[in-house]
C-alpha atoms as a PDB file:
ATOM      1  CA  MET A   1     117.492 114.311  95.449  1.00  0.00           C
ATOM      2  CA  GLU A   2     115.222 114.238  98.584  1.00  0.00           C
ATOM      3  CA  PRO A   3     115.726 112.336 101.782  1.00  0.00           C
ATOM      4  CA  ILE A   4     113.175 109.321 102.688  1.00  0.00           C
ATOM      5  CA  LEU A   5     114.088 110.298 105.719  1.00  0.00           C
ATOM      6  CA  GLN A   6     114.211 113.790 107.442  1.00  0.00           C
ATOM      7  CA  VAL A   7     114.882 113.608 111.442  1.00  0.00           C
ATOM      8  CA  ARG A   8     114.982 116.721 113.098  1.00  0.00           C
ATOM      9  CA  ASP A   9     115.753 118.219 116.543  1.00  0.00           C
ATOM     10  CA  MET A  10     114.997 114.638 117.664  1.00  0.00           C
ATOM     11  CA  VAL A  11     114.475 115.010 121.944  1.00  0.00           C
ATOM     12  CA  THR A  12     114.659 111.618 123.873  1.00  0.00           C
ATOM     13  CA  ARG A  13     113.811 111.631 127.640  1.00  0.00           C
ATOM     14  CA  PHE A  14     113.960 107.995 130.115  1.00  0.00           C
ATOM     15  CA  TYR A  15     111.856 109.185 133.274  1.00  0.00           C
ATOM     16  CA  SER A  16     113.207 107.328 136.252  1.00  0.00           C
ATOM     17  CA  VAL A  17     113.427 106.984 140.123  1.00  0.00           C
ATOM     18  CA  ASP A  18     117.525 108.415 139.983  1.00  0.00           C
ATOM     19  CA  GLY A  19     115.950 111.258 137.656  1.00  0.00           C
ATOM     20  CA  VAL A  20     115.842 112.139 133.794  1.00  0.00           C
ATOM     21  CA  VAL A  21     117.830 110.649 131.477  1.00  0.00           C
ATOM     22  CA  HIS A  22     118.594 112.982 128.084  1.00  0.00           C
ATOM     23  CA  ALA A  23     119.388 110.369 126.079  1.00  0.00           C
ATOM     24  CA  ILE A  24     118.852 112.154 122.417  1.00  0.00           C
ATOM     25  CA  ASN A  25     119.359 115.731 122.703  1.00  0.00           C
ATOM     26  CA  GLY A  26     118.388 117.736 118.657  1.00  0.00           C
ATOM     27  CA  VAL A  27     119.244 115.244 116.836  1.00  0.00           C
ATOM     28  CA  ASN A  28     119.229 116.011 112.957  1.00  0.00           C
ATOM     29  CA  PHE A  29     119.899 113.648 109.347  1.00  0.00           C
ATOM     30  CA  ASP A  30     118.542 112.621 105.796  1.00  0.00           C
ATOM     31  CA  LEU A  31     118.792 109.327 104.720  1.00  0.00           C
ATOM     32  CA  TYR A  32     118.498 108.815 100.941  1.00  0.00           C
ATOM     33  CA  GLU A  33     116.313 106.360  98.455  1.00  0.00           C
ATOM     34  CA  GLY A  34     118.912 103.699  98.143  1.00  0.00           C
ATOM     35  CA  GLU A  35     121.851 105.041 100.753  1.00  0.00           C
ATOM     36  CA  THR A  36     124.299 103.183 103.915  1.00  0.00           C
ATOM     37  CA  LEU A  37     123.976 105.151 106.512  1.00  0.00           C
ATOM     38  CA  ALA A  38     126.485 103.626 109.147  1.00  0.00           C
ATOM     39  CA  VAL A  39     125.671 105.407 112.705  1.00  0.00           C
ATOM     40  CA  VAL A  40     128.411 104.900 115.615  1.00  0.00           C
ATOM     41  CA  GLY A  41     129.996 105.665 118.259  1.00  0.00           C
ATOM     42  CA  GLU A  42     130.629 104.314 121.709  1.00  0.00           C
ATOM     43  CA  SER A  43     127.911 102.297 124.150  1.00  0.00           C
ATOM     44  CA  GLY A  44     125.445 105.454 125.525  1.00  0.00           C
ATOM     45  CA  SER A  45     125.863 107.617 122.631  1.00  0.00           C
ATOM     46  CA  GLY A  46     122.583 107.035 121.893  1.00  0.00           C
ATOM     47  CA  LYS A  47     122.811 104.862 118.040  1.00  0.00           C
ATOM     48  CA  SER A  48     119.235 102.328 118.767  1.00  0.00           C
ATOM     49  CA  VAL A  49     117.195 104.864 121.058  1.00  0.00           C
ATOM     50  CA  THR A  50     117.505 107.677 117.783  1.00  0.00           C
ATOM     51  CA  MET A  51     116.531 104.706 115.595  1.00  0.00           C
ATOM     52  CA  MET A  52     114.218 102.981 117.974  1.00  0.00           C
ATOM     53  CA  SER A  53     112.684 106.562 118.850  1.00  0.00           C
ATOM     54  CA  ILE A  54     111.855 106.928 115.434  1.00  0.00           C
ATOM     55  CA  VAL A  55     109.491 103.886 114.802  1.00  0.00           C
ATOM     56  CA  ASN A  56     108.068 103.818 118.587  1.00  0.00           C
ATOM     57  CA  LEU A  57     109.767 100.665 119.573  1.00  0.00           C
ATOM     58  CA  ILE A  58     111.019 102.695 123.487  1.00  0.00           C
ATOM     59  CA  PRO A  59     108.927 101.557 126.058  1.00  0.00           C
ATOM     60  CA  GLN A  60     106.471 104.055 127.270  1.00  0.00           C
ATOM     61  CA  PRO A  61     106.903 104.956 130.350  1.00  0.00           C
ATOM     62  CA  PRO A  62     110.106 105.362 131.398  1.00  0.00           C
ATOM     63  CA  GLY A  63     110.556 106.476 127.927  1.00  0.00           C
ATOM     64  CA  LYS A  64     109.259 109.662 126.084  1.00  0.00           C
ATOM     65  CA  VAL A  65     109.923 110.989 122.788  1.00  0.00           C
ATOM     66  CA  GLU A  66     109.856 115.344 123.810  1.00  0.00           C
ATOM     67  CA  GLY A  67     109.840 116.920 120.754  1.00  0.00           C
ATOM     68  CA  GLY A  68     111.201 116.687 116.631  1.00  0.00           C
ATOM     69  CA  GLN A  69     110.026 115.140 113.626  1.00  0.00           C
ATOM     70  CA  ALA A  70     110.742 112.322 111.446  1.00  0.00           C
ATOM     71  CA  ILE A  71     109.426 113.140 108.078  1.00  0.00           C
ATOM     72  CA  PHE A  72     109.163 109.183 106.488  1.00  0.00           C
ATOM     73  CA  SER A  73     108.425 109.947 102.358  1.00  0.00           C
ATOM     74  CA  TYR A  74     107.645 107.456  99.837  1.00  0.00           C
ATOM     75  CA  GLY A  75     106.003 107.658  96.490  1.00  0.00           C
ATOM     76  CA  GLU A  76     103.223 110.522  96.704  1.00  0.00           C
ATOM     77  CA  MET A  77     103.236 110.264 100.670  1.00  0.00           C
ATOM     78  CA  ALA A  78     104.780 112.162 103.450  1.00  0.00           C
ATOM     79  CA  GLN A  79     104.341 111.848 107.372  1.00  0.00           C
ATOM     80  CA  ASP A  80     105.856 112.584 110.657  1.00  0.00           C
ATOM     81  CA  LEU A  81     106.469 109.302 112.048  1.00  0.00           C
ATOM     82  CA  LEU A  82     106.326 110.707 115.509  1.00  0.00           C
ATOM     83  CA  GLN A  83     103.020 112.035 115.091  1.00  0.00           C
ATOM     84  CA  LEU A  84     101.723 108.552 114.014  1.00  0.00           C
ATOM     85  CA  SER A  85      99.102 106.777 116.653  1.00  0.00           C
ATOM     86  CA  GLU A  86     100.268 103.220 117.852  1.00  0.00           C
ATOM     87  CA  ASP A  87      97.958 101.440 115.241  1.00  0.00           C
ATOM     88  CA  GLU A  88      99.408 103.588 111.981  1.00  0.00           C
ATOM     89  CA  ILE A  89     102.781 103.197 113.352  1.00  0.00           C
ATOM     90  CA  ARG A  90     102.342  99.365 113.036  1.00  0.00           C
ATOM     91  CA  HIS A  91     101.746  99.537 109.484  1.00  0.00           C
ATOM     92  CA  VAL A  92     105.046 100.833 109.046  1.00  0.00           C
ATOM     93  CA  ARG A  93     107.305  99.037 110.971  1.00  0.00           C
ATOM     94  CA  GLY A  94     107.727  95.823 109.418  1.00  0.00           C
ATOM     95  CA  GLY A  95     105.985  97.093 105.741  1.00  0.00           C
ATOM     96  CA  GLN A  96     107.654 100.214 105.082  1.00  0.00           C
ATOM     97  CA  ILE A  97     110.681 100.437 107.600  1.00  0.00           C
ATOM     98  CA  GLY A  98     112.570  96.662 108.640  1.00  0.00           C
ATOM     99  CA  PHE A  99     114.537  96.326 111.904  1.00  0.00           C
ATOM    100  CA  ILE A 100     116.644  93.738 112.657  1.00  0.00           C
ATOM    101  CA  PHE A 101     117.859  93.587 115.775  1.00  0.00           C
ATOM    102  CA  GLN A 102     121.187  92.673 117.766  1.00  0.00           C
ATOM    103  CA  ASP A 103     120.172  89.160 118.954  1.00  0.00           C
ATOM    104  CA  PRO A 104     117.866  87.294 116.900  1.00  0.00           C
ATOM    105  CA  ILE A 105     116.947  84.768 119.949  1.00  0.00           C
ATOM    106  CA  SER A 106     115.028  87.254 122.148  1.00  0.00           C
ATOM    107  CA  SER A 107     113.769  88.825 119.140  1.00  0.00           C
ATOM    108  CA  LEU A 108     112.074  85.522 117.941  1.00  0.00           C
ATOM    109  CA  ASN A 109     109.216  83.842 119.033  1.00  0.00           C
ATOM    110  CA  PRO A 110     110.116  80.400 120.060  1.00  0.00           C
ATOM    111  CA  THR A 111     106.753  79.075 120.316  1.00  0.00           C
ATOM    112  CA  MET A 112     106.093  79.930 116.317  1.00  0.00           C
ATOM    113  CA  THR A 113     107.799  78.552 113.603  1.00  0.00           C
ATOM    114  CA  ILE A 114     110.447  80.858 111.476  1.00  0.00           C
ATOM    115  CA  GLY A 115     108.053  80.380 108.236  1.00  0.00           C
ATOM    116  CA  SER A 116     104.950  81.418 110.159  1.00  0.00           C
ATOM    117  CA  GLN A 117     106.841  84.182 111.886  1.00  0.00           C
ATOM    118  CA  ILE A 118     108.453  85.219 107.888  1.00  0.00           C
ATOM    119  CA  ALA A 119     104.902  84.507 106.576  1.00  0.00           C
ATOM    120  CA  GLU A 120     103.327  86.490 109.763  1.00  0.00           C
ATOM    121  CA  SER A 121     104.127  89.626 107.992  1.00  0.00           C
ATOM    122  CA  MET A 122     103.302  88.910 104.824  1.00  0.00           C
ATOM    123  CA  THR A 123      99.811  88.497 104.656  1.00  0.00           C
ATOM    124  CA  GLU A 124      99.531  91.468 107.640  1.00  0.00           C
ATOM    125  CA  HIS A 125     101.329  93.677 104.989  1.00  0.00           C
ATOM    126  CA  LEU A 126     100.493  92.298 102.283  1.00  0.00           C
ATOM    127  CA  GLY A 127      97.595  91.076 101.998  1.00  0.00           C
ATOM    128  CA  PHE A 128      98.579  87.481 101.012  1.00  0.00           C
ATOM    129  CA  SER A 129      96.986  84.440 101.376  1.00  0.00           C
ATOM    130  CA  ALA A 130      98.791  82.075 103.567  1.00  0.00           C
ATOM    131  CA  SER A 131      99.695  79.363 100.215  1.00  0.00           C
ATOM    132  CA  GLU A 132     100.948  82.980  98.477  1.00  0.00           C
ATOM    133  CA  ALA A 133     102.900  83.829 101.645  1.00  0.00           C
ATOM    134  CA  ARG A 134     104.321  80.030 102.707  1.00  0.00           C
ATOM    135  CA  SER A 135     106.048  80.487  99.194  1.00  0.00           C
ATOM    136  CA  LYS A 136     107.508  83.286  98.865  1.00  0.00           C
ATOM    137  CA  THR A 137     108.592  82.816 102.280  1.00  0.00           C
ATOM    138  CA  VAL A 138     110.057  79.743 101.216  1.00  0.00           C
ATOM    139  CA  GLU A 139     112.058  81.812  97.948  1.00  0.00           C
ATOM    140  CA  LEU A 140     113.045  84.696 100.909  1.00  0.00           C
ATOM    141  CA  LEU A 141     114.827  82.116 103.160  1.00  0.00           C
ATOM    142  CA  ARG A 142     116.844  80.525  99.803  1.00  0.00           C
ATOM    143  CA  ASN A 143     118.134  83.975  99.311  1.00  0.00           C
ATOM    144  CA  VAL A 144     118.897  85.072 102.284  1.00  0.00           C
ATOM    145  CA  GLY A 145     120.914  81.479 102.382  1.00  0.00           C
ATOM    146  CA  ILE A 146     118.797  79.094 104.586  1.00  0.00           C
ATOM    147  CA  PRO A 147     119.681  75.501 102.617  1.00  0.00           C
ATOM    148  CA  ASP A 148     116.536  73.389 102.685  1.00  0.00           C
ATOM    149  CA  SER A 149     114.572  75.912 102.573  1.00  0.00           C
ATOM    150  CA  GLU A 150     111.360  73.886 102.530  1.00  0.00           C
ATOM    151  CA  ARG A 151     111.977  71.444 105.690  1.00  0.00           C
ATOM    152  CA  ARG A 152     113.524  74.513 107.254  1.00  0.00           C
ATOM    153  CA  PHE A 153     110.350  76.109 106.862  1.00  0.00           C
ATOM    154  CA  ASN A 154     108.895  74.474 110.027  1.00  0.00           C
ATOM    155  CA  ALA A 155     111.777  74.492 112.036  1.00  0.00           C
ATOM    156  CA  TYR A 156     111.912  76.512 115.590  1.00  0.00           C
ATOM    157  CA  PRO A 157     114.345  79.102 116.492  1.00  0.00           C
ATOM    158  CA  HIS A 158     116.480  76.929 119.010  1.00  0.00           C
ATOM    159  CA  HIS A 159     116.915  74.444 115.479  1.00  0.00           C
ATOM    160  CA  PHE A 160     119.486  77.385 114.268  1.00  0.00           C
ATOM    161  CA  SER A 161     122.873  78.743 115.004  1.00  0.00           C
ATOM    162  CA  GLY A 162     123.049  82.594 115.897  1.00  0.00           C
ATOM    163  CA  GLY A 163     124.124  83.132 111.882  1.00  0.00           C
ATOM    164  CA  MET A 164     121.620  80.965 110.532  1.00  0.00           C
ATOM    165  CA  ARG A 165     119.027  83.061 113.583  1.00  0.00           C
ATOM    166  CA  GLN A 166     120.573  86.563 112.331  1.00  0.00           C
ATOM    167  CA  ARG A 167     119.486  85.135 108.678  1.00  0.00           C
ATOM    168  CA  VAL A 168     116.226  84.908 109.428  1.00  0.00           C
ATOM    169  CA  MET A 169     115.710  88.451 111.334  1.00  0.00           C
ATOM    170  CA  ILE A 170     117.401  89.611 108.060  1.00  0.00           C
ATOM    171  CA  ALA A 171     114.854  87.803 105.461  1.00  0.00           C
ATOM    172  CA  ILE A 172     111.846  88.597 108.123  1.00  0.00           C
ATOM    173  CA  ALA A 173     113.306  92.547 107.725  1.00  0.00           C
ATOM    174  CA  VAL A 174     113.059  92.306 104.289  1.00  0.00           C
ATOM    175  CA  ALA A 175     109.844  90.487 104.000  1.00  0.00           C
ATOM    176  CA  CYS A 176     107.338  93.276 103.074  1.00  0.00           C
ATOM    177  CA  ARG A 177     110.798  95.145 100.956  1.00  0.00           C
ATOM    178  CA  PRO A 178     110.707  97.691 103.466  1.00  0.00           C
ATOM    179  CA  LYS A 179     111.812 101.306 102.299  1.00  0.00           C
ATOM    180  CA  ILE A 180     114.244 101.552 104.779  1.00  0.00           C
ATOM    181  CA  VAL A 181     116.128  98.345 106.463  1.00  0.00           C
ATOM    182  CA  ILE A 182     117.400  99.865 110.541  1.00  0.00           C
ATOM    183  CA  ALA A 183     120.224  97.452 111.392  1.00  0.00           C
ATOM    184  CA  ASP A 184     121.231  97.468 115.359  1.00  0.00           C
ATOM    185  CA  GLU A 185     124.333  95.738 115.492  1.00  0.00           C
ATOM    186  CA  PRO A 186     123.460  92.891 113.741  1.00  0.00           C
ATOM    187  CA  THR A 187     127.246  91.385 113.642  1.00  0.00           C
ATOM    188  CA  THR A 188     127.523  92.074 117.435  1.00  0.00           C
ATOM    189  CA  ALA A 189     127.348  88.392 119.056  1.00  0.00           C
ATOM    190  CA  LEU A 190     128.831  86.487 115.542  1.00  0.00           C
ATOM    191  CA  ASP A 191     132.071  85.669 114.907  1.00  0.00           C
ATOM    192  CA  VAL A 192     133.872  87.319 112.487  1.00  0.00           C
ATOM    193  CA  THR A 193     133.401  84.998 110.070  1.00  0.00           C
ATOM    194  CA  VAL A 194     130.084  84.765 110.117  1.00  0.00           C
ATOM    195  CA  GLN A 195     129.447  88.592 110.609  1.00  0.00           C
ATOM    196  CA  ALA A 196     131.452  88.856 107.271  1.00  0.00           C
ATOM    197  CA  GLN A 197     128.354  87.091 105.657  1.00  0.00           C
ATOM    198  CA  ILE A 198     125.890  88.888 107.181  1.00  0.00           C
ATOM    199  CA  VAL A 199     127.144  91.965 106.273  1.00  0.00           C
ATOM    200  CA  ASP A 200     127.829  90.464 102.151  1.00  0.00           C
ATOM    201  CA  LEU A 201     123.905  89.374 102.421  1.00  0.00           C
ATOM    202  CA  VAL A 202     122.916  93.159 103.941  1.00  0.00           C
ATOM    203  CA  LYS A 203     124.565  94.568 100.801  1.00  0.00           C
ATOM    204  CA  ARG A 204     123.385  91.714  98.206  1.00  0.00           C
ATOM    205  CA  LEU A 205     119.607  92.294  99.039  1.00  0.00           C
ATOM    206  CA  GLN A 206     120.172  96.493  99.584  1.00  0.00           C
ATOM    207  CA  GLU A 207     121.386  95.867  95.760  1.00  0.00           C
ATOM    208  CA  GLN A 208     118.444  93.667  95.292  1.00  0.00           C
ATOM    209  CA  MET A 209     115.857  95.570  96.902  1.00  0.00           C
ATOM    210  CA  GLY A 210     116.928  99.267  96.211  1.00  0.00           C
ATOM    211  CA  VAL A 211     116.241  99.405 100.072  1.00  0.00           C
ATOM    212  CA  ALA A 212     118.448 102.509 102.456  1.00  0.00           C
ATOM    213  CA  VAL A 213     119.997 101.026 104.921  1.00  0.00           C
ATOM    214  CA  VAL A 214     120.745 102.353 108.382  1.00  0.00           C
ATOM    215  CA  TRP A 215     123.807 100.209 109.994  1.00  0.00           C
ATOM    216  CA  ILE A 216     123.698 100.928 113.691  1.00  0.00           C
ATOM    217  CA  THR A 217     127.262  99.606 115.683  1.00  0.00           C
ATOM    218  CA  HIS A 218     130.514 100.551 117.519  1.00  0.00           C
ATOM    219  CA  ASP A 219     133.057  99.303 114.786  1.00  0.00           C
ATOM    220  CA  LEU A 220     134.378 101.826 112.775  1.00  0.00           C
ATOM    221  CA  GLY A 221     136.395  98.674 111.412  1.00  0.00           C
ATOM    222  CA  VAL A 222     132.980  97.318 109.429  1.00  0.00           C
ATOM    223  CA  VAL A 223     132.214 101.048 108.825  1.00  0.00           C
ATOM    224  CA  ALA A 224     134.575 101.682 106.175  1.00  0.00           C
ATOM    225  CA  GLY A 225     133.523  98.833 103.456  1.00  0.00           C
ATOM    226  CA  LEU A 226     129.833  99.497 103.863  1.00  0.00           C
ATOM    227  CA  ALA A 227     128.728 102.813 104.470  1.00  0.00           C
ATOM    228  CA  ASP A 228     127.798 105.448 101.824  1.00  0.00           C
ATOM    229  CA  ARG A 229     127.947 108.415 104.699  1.00  0.00           C
ATOM    230  CA  VAL A 230     128.304 107.831 108.777  1.00  0.00           C
ATOM    231  CA  LEU A 231     126.959 109.923 110.928  1.00  0.00           C
ATOM    232  CA  VAL A 232     129.239 110.033 114.759  1.00  0.00           C
ATOM    233  CA  MET A 233     126.910 110.591 117.698  1.00  0.00           C
ATOM    234  CA  TYR A 234     128.581 111.082 121.357  1.00  0.00           C
ATOM    235  CA  GLY A 235     126.212 111.972 124.499  1.00  0.00           C
ATOM    236  CA  GLY A 236     123.384 112.074 122.590  1.00  0.00           C
ATOM    237  CA  THR A 237     123.998 114.221 120.118  1.00  0.00           C
ATOM    238  CA  VAL A 238     125.551 114.323 116.339  1.00  0.00           C
ATOM    239  CA  VAL A 239     128.801 114.958 116.040  1.00  0.00           C
ATOM    240  CA  GLU A 240     130.185 114.403 113.204  1.00  0.00           C
ATOM    241  CA  SER A 241     128.293 113.731 109.476  1.00  0.00           C
ATOM    242  CA  ALA A 242     130.414 113.037 106.122  1.00  0.00           C
ATOM    243  CA  PRO A 243     130.598 110.501 103.458  1.00  0.00           C
ATOM    244  CA  VAL A 244     132.587 107.234 104.395  1.00  0.00           C
ATOM    245  CA  ASP A 245     135.811 108.338 102.392  1.00  0.00           C
ATOM    246  CA  ASN A 246     136.354 112.091 103.932  1.00  0.00           C
ATOM    247  CA  LEU A 247     135.385 110.479 107.401  1.00  0.00           C
ATOM    248  CA  TYR A 248     138.945 108.426 107.438  1.00  0.00           C
ATOM    249  CA  GLU A 249     140.665 110.749 105.233  1.00  0.00           C
ATOM    250  CA  ASP A 250     139.807 113.937 106.961  1.00  0.00           C
ATOM    251  CA  PRO A 251     138.038 113.829 110.151  1.00  0.00           C
ATOM    252  CA  ARG A 252     137.328 117.150 111.589  1.00  0.00           C
ATOM    253  CA  HIS A 253     135.730 116.196 115.509  1.00  0.00           C
ATOM    254  CA  PRO A 254     137.943 115.001 118.081  1.00  0.00           C
ATOM    255  CA  TYR A 255     135.852 112.127 118.936  1.00  0.00           C
ATOM    256  CA  THR A 256     136.119 111.197 115.496  1.00  0.00           C
ATOM    257  CA  ILE A 257     139.767 111.221 115.393  1.00  0.00           C
ATOM    258  CA  GLY A 258     140.423 109.090 118.697  1.00  0.00           C
ATOM    259  CA  LEU A 259     137.732 106.306 117.260  1.00  0.00           C
ATOM    260  CA  LEU A 260     139.379 106.821 114.595  1.00  0.00           C
ATOM    261  CA  LYS A 261     143.092 106.176 116.389  1.00  0.00           C
ATOM    262  CA  ALA A 262     142.022 103.319 118.369  1.00  0.00           C
ATOM    263  CA  ILE A 263     141.263 100.939 115.444  1.00  0.00           C
ATOM    264  CA  PRO A 264     143.987  97.863 114.442  1.00  0.00           C
ATOM    265  CA  ARG A 265     145.953  98.442 111.304  1.00  0.00           C
ATOM    266  CA  LEU A 266     146.307  95.050 109.478  1.00  0.00           C
ATOM    267  CA  ASP A 267     148.317  97.152 106.791  1.00  0.00           C
ATOM    268  CA  ALA A 268     150.246  98.429 109.607  1.00  0.00           C
ATOM    269  CA  THR A 269     154.580  97.745 108.942  1.00  0.00           C
ATOM    270  CA  GLY A 270     157.756  99.205 110.519  1.00  0.00           C
ATOM    271  CA  GLU A 271     157.307 100.998 114.021  1.00  0.00           C
ATOM    272  CA  ALA A 272     153.781 100.865 113.568  1.00  0.00           C
ATOM    273  CA  GLU A 273     153.377  97.337 114.141  1.00  0.00           C
ATOM    274  CA  THR A 274     154.538  97.879 117.943  1.00  0.00           C
ATOM    275  CA  GLU A 275     152.510 101.143 118.739  1.00  0.00           C
ATOM    276  CA  GLU A 276     149.844 100.541 121.138  1.00  0.00           C
ATOM    277  CA  LEU A 277     146.600 101.832 120.243  1.00  0.00           C
ATOM    278  CA  GLU A 278     145.792 105.259 121.710  1.00  0.00           C
ATOM    279  CA  VAL A 279     142.399 105.093 124.096  1.00  0.00           C
ATOM    280  CA  ILE A 280     140.490 108.007 124.635  1.00  0.00           C
ATOM    281  CA  GLU A 281     140.776 108.991 128.399  1.00  0.00           C
ATOM    282  CA  GLY A 282     137.973 110.119 130.472  1.00  0.00           C
ATOM    283  CA  VAL A 283     134.497 108.407 131.028  1.00  0.00           C
ATOM    284  CA  PRO A 284     131.071 108.866 128.862  1.00  0.00           C
ATOM    285  CA  PRO A 285     128.851 112.204 129.878  1.00  0.00           C
ATOM    286  CA  ASP A 286     126.797 112.392 132.321  1.00  0.00           C
ATOM    287  CA  LEU A 287     122.997 111.908 130.834  1.00  0.00           C
ATOM    288  CA  TYR A 288     121.319 112.596 134.182  1.00  0.00           C
ATOM    289  CA  GLN A 289     122.845 116.170 133.454  1.00  0.00           C
ATOM    290  CA  GLU A 290     121.059 118.177 130.536  1.00  0.00           C
ATOM    291  CA  LEU A 291     123.231 119.504 128.005  1.00  0.00           C
ATOM    292  CA  THR A 292     124.631 122.812 128.527  1.00  0.00           C
ATOM    293  CA  LEU A 293     128.406 122.432 126.902  1.00  0.00           C
ATOM    294  CA  CYS A 294     129.658 120.764 124.836  1.00  0.00           C
ATOM    295  CA  PRO A 295     129.310 117.119 126.108  1.00  0.00           C
ATOM    296  CA  PHE A 296     133.091 115.849 124.602  1.00  0.00           C
ATOM    297  CA  ALA A 297     134.563 119.257 126.459  1.00  0.00           C
ATOM    298  CA  PRO A 298     135.899 117.086 129.661  1.00  0.00           C
ATOM    299  CA  ARG A 299     137.555 114.703 127.574  1.00  0.00           C
ATOM    300  CA  CYS A 300     138.619 117.263 124.693  1.00  0.00           C
ATOM    301  CA  GLY A 301     143.017 117.969 124.746  1.00  0.00           C
ATOM    302  CA  TYR A 302     141.446 121.230 122.231  1.00  0.00           C
ATOM    303  CA  ALA A 303     138.463 122.496 125.017  1.00  0.00           C
ATOM    304  CA  PHE A 304     138.657 125.686 125.397  1.00  0.00           C
ATOM    305  CA  ASP A 305     136.324 128.587 127.116  1.00  0.00           C
ATOM    306  CA  ARG A 306     133.759 128.550 124.740  1.00  0.00           C
ATOM    307  CA  CYS A 307     133.518 125.085 124.965  1.00  0.00           C
ATOM    308  CA  TRP A 308     132.370 124.423 128.597  1.00  0.00           C
ATOM    309  CA  ALA A 309     129.579 127.219 127.598  1.00  0.00           C
ATOM    310  CA  GLU A 310     127.514 126.589 124.542  1.00  0.00           C
ATOM    311  CA  VAL A 311     126.730 123.277 122.454  1.00  0.00           C
ATOM    312  CA  PRO A 312     127.943 123.252 119.576  1.00  0.00           C
ATOM    313  CA  PRO A 313     126.137 123.047 115.913  1.00  0.00           C
ATOM    314  CA  LEU A 314     127.093 120.593 113.059  1.00  0.00           C
ATOM    315  CA  ILE A 315     129.457 123.469 111.615  1.00  0.00           C
ATOM    316  CA  GLU A 316     129.455 122.394 107.436  1.00  0.00           C
ATOM    317  CA  VAL A 317     133.260 121.913 106.882  1.00  0.00           C
ATOM    318  CA  GLY A 318     133.790 120.436 103.511  1.00  0.00           C
ATOM    319  CA  VAL A 319     131.294 118.926 101.122  1.00  0.00           C
ATOM    320  CA  GLN A 320     128.997 117.006 103.259  1.00  0.00           C
ATOM    321  CA  HIS A 321     131.092 117.248 105.610  1.00  0.00           C
ATOM    322  CA  GLY A 322     129.898 118.306 108.992  1.00  0.00           C
ATOM    323  CA  ALA A 323     131.462 118.854 112.621  1.00  0.00           C
ATOM    324  CA  ALA A 324     129.647 119.923 115.738  1.00  0.00           C
ATOM    325  CA  CYS A 325     133.239 121.164 117.024  1.00  0.00           C
ATOM    326  CA  PHE A 326     134.671 124.674 118.119  1.00  0.00           C
ATOM    327  CA  TYR A 327     137.453 124.127 117.391  1.00  0.00           C
ATOM    328  CA  ASP A 328     139.247 123.925 113.978  1.00  0.00           C
ATOM    329  CA  VAL A 329     141.466 120.564 113.769  1.00  0.00           C
ATOM    330  CA  GLU A 330     143.241 121.387 110.591  1.00  0.00           C
ATOM    331  CA  ARG A 331     144.322 124.959 111.119  1.00  0.00           C
ATOM    332  CA  GLY A 332     144.757 124.695 114.771  1.00  0.00           C
ATOM    333  CA  GLY A 333     143.019 126.596 116.440  1.00  0.00           C
ATOM    334  CA  PRO A 334     139.587 127.982 117.480  1.00  0.00           C
ATOM    335  CA  ARG A 335     137.480 128.909 114.550  1.00  0.00           C
ATOM    336  CA  ASN A 336     136.316 131.944 113.474  1.00  0.00           C
ATOM    337  CA  GLY A 337     133.945 133.594 115.592  1.00  0.00           C
ATOM    338  CA  SER A 338     135.530 131.528 118.299  1.00  0.00           C
END
């Protein structure tokens, strides 16, 4: 099966008075139709910037996508999103690729009713009349779990709770039945119960529509029951890529191993109940410095000479499983050729 989105060697920089921020450093990944791809990593790892670069949502200036490709394929069409003009990419955003932002209150227009904000994308991208768009919007509001949708069509964003505003954002993202939905930490500001409801809602809509979902998060606990595959990012690079079960059962990058050891265990028994969570010592890389070594080397207990001299590529370590590491954590030594 051919991927619906192929990202190759993408590079994004931000230019500031303090210097150049090397935000994205040669990111590669594929996304397949109908799958959920989780993108995980700590703050500043490049998760959101990667996805915003693909759909031209980074501010320019100071940001600039300086290299790479993002080939988006649907039907008989295939186009490099990084080469489209602003007018061309605007037709893709909202129409073919939906975006669910982390903070709905700053993403929704406070001067427009939520119904008109959803209907607007249908009239622009699908050519619906005002009455058709209103009817479809009411139906969609009902589908995303907003009660009394006919009346709530005319409500404003400040009339809704955080969880309900996020449901509105989801409705906007899927209104035109896109091929891809990018969810940028959509549950971060919500309480645990509402988080679970939003995750279940996205999974249900994905099954109904067959849409591919990119779920950006720093919470590996959410990923286990949500994703098909996982990308682990660090320092603007992909350091591990694997099917979700493989990642949890057999992580191969020291950073991934550290992230998993920092997750609280609900099934812990005996001594495990009193064990402290492990932490990854050190600080994230300085992105003002151009990447010339393994970005995780300064924090890695396995680092050796080669790690300080080269940027490791994503090395195949299993079926659909790659790790950007010169050290073989399974064997306990440098990889062959290292």
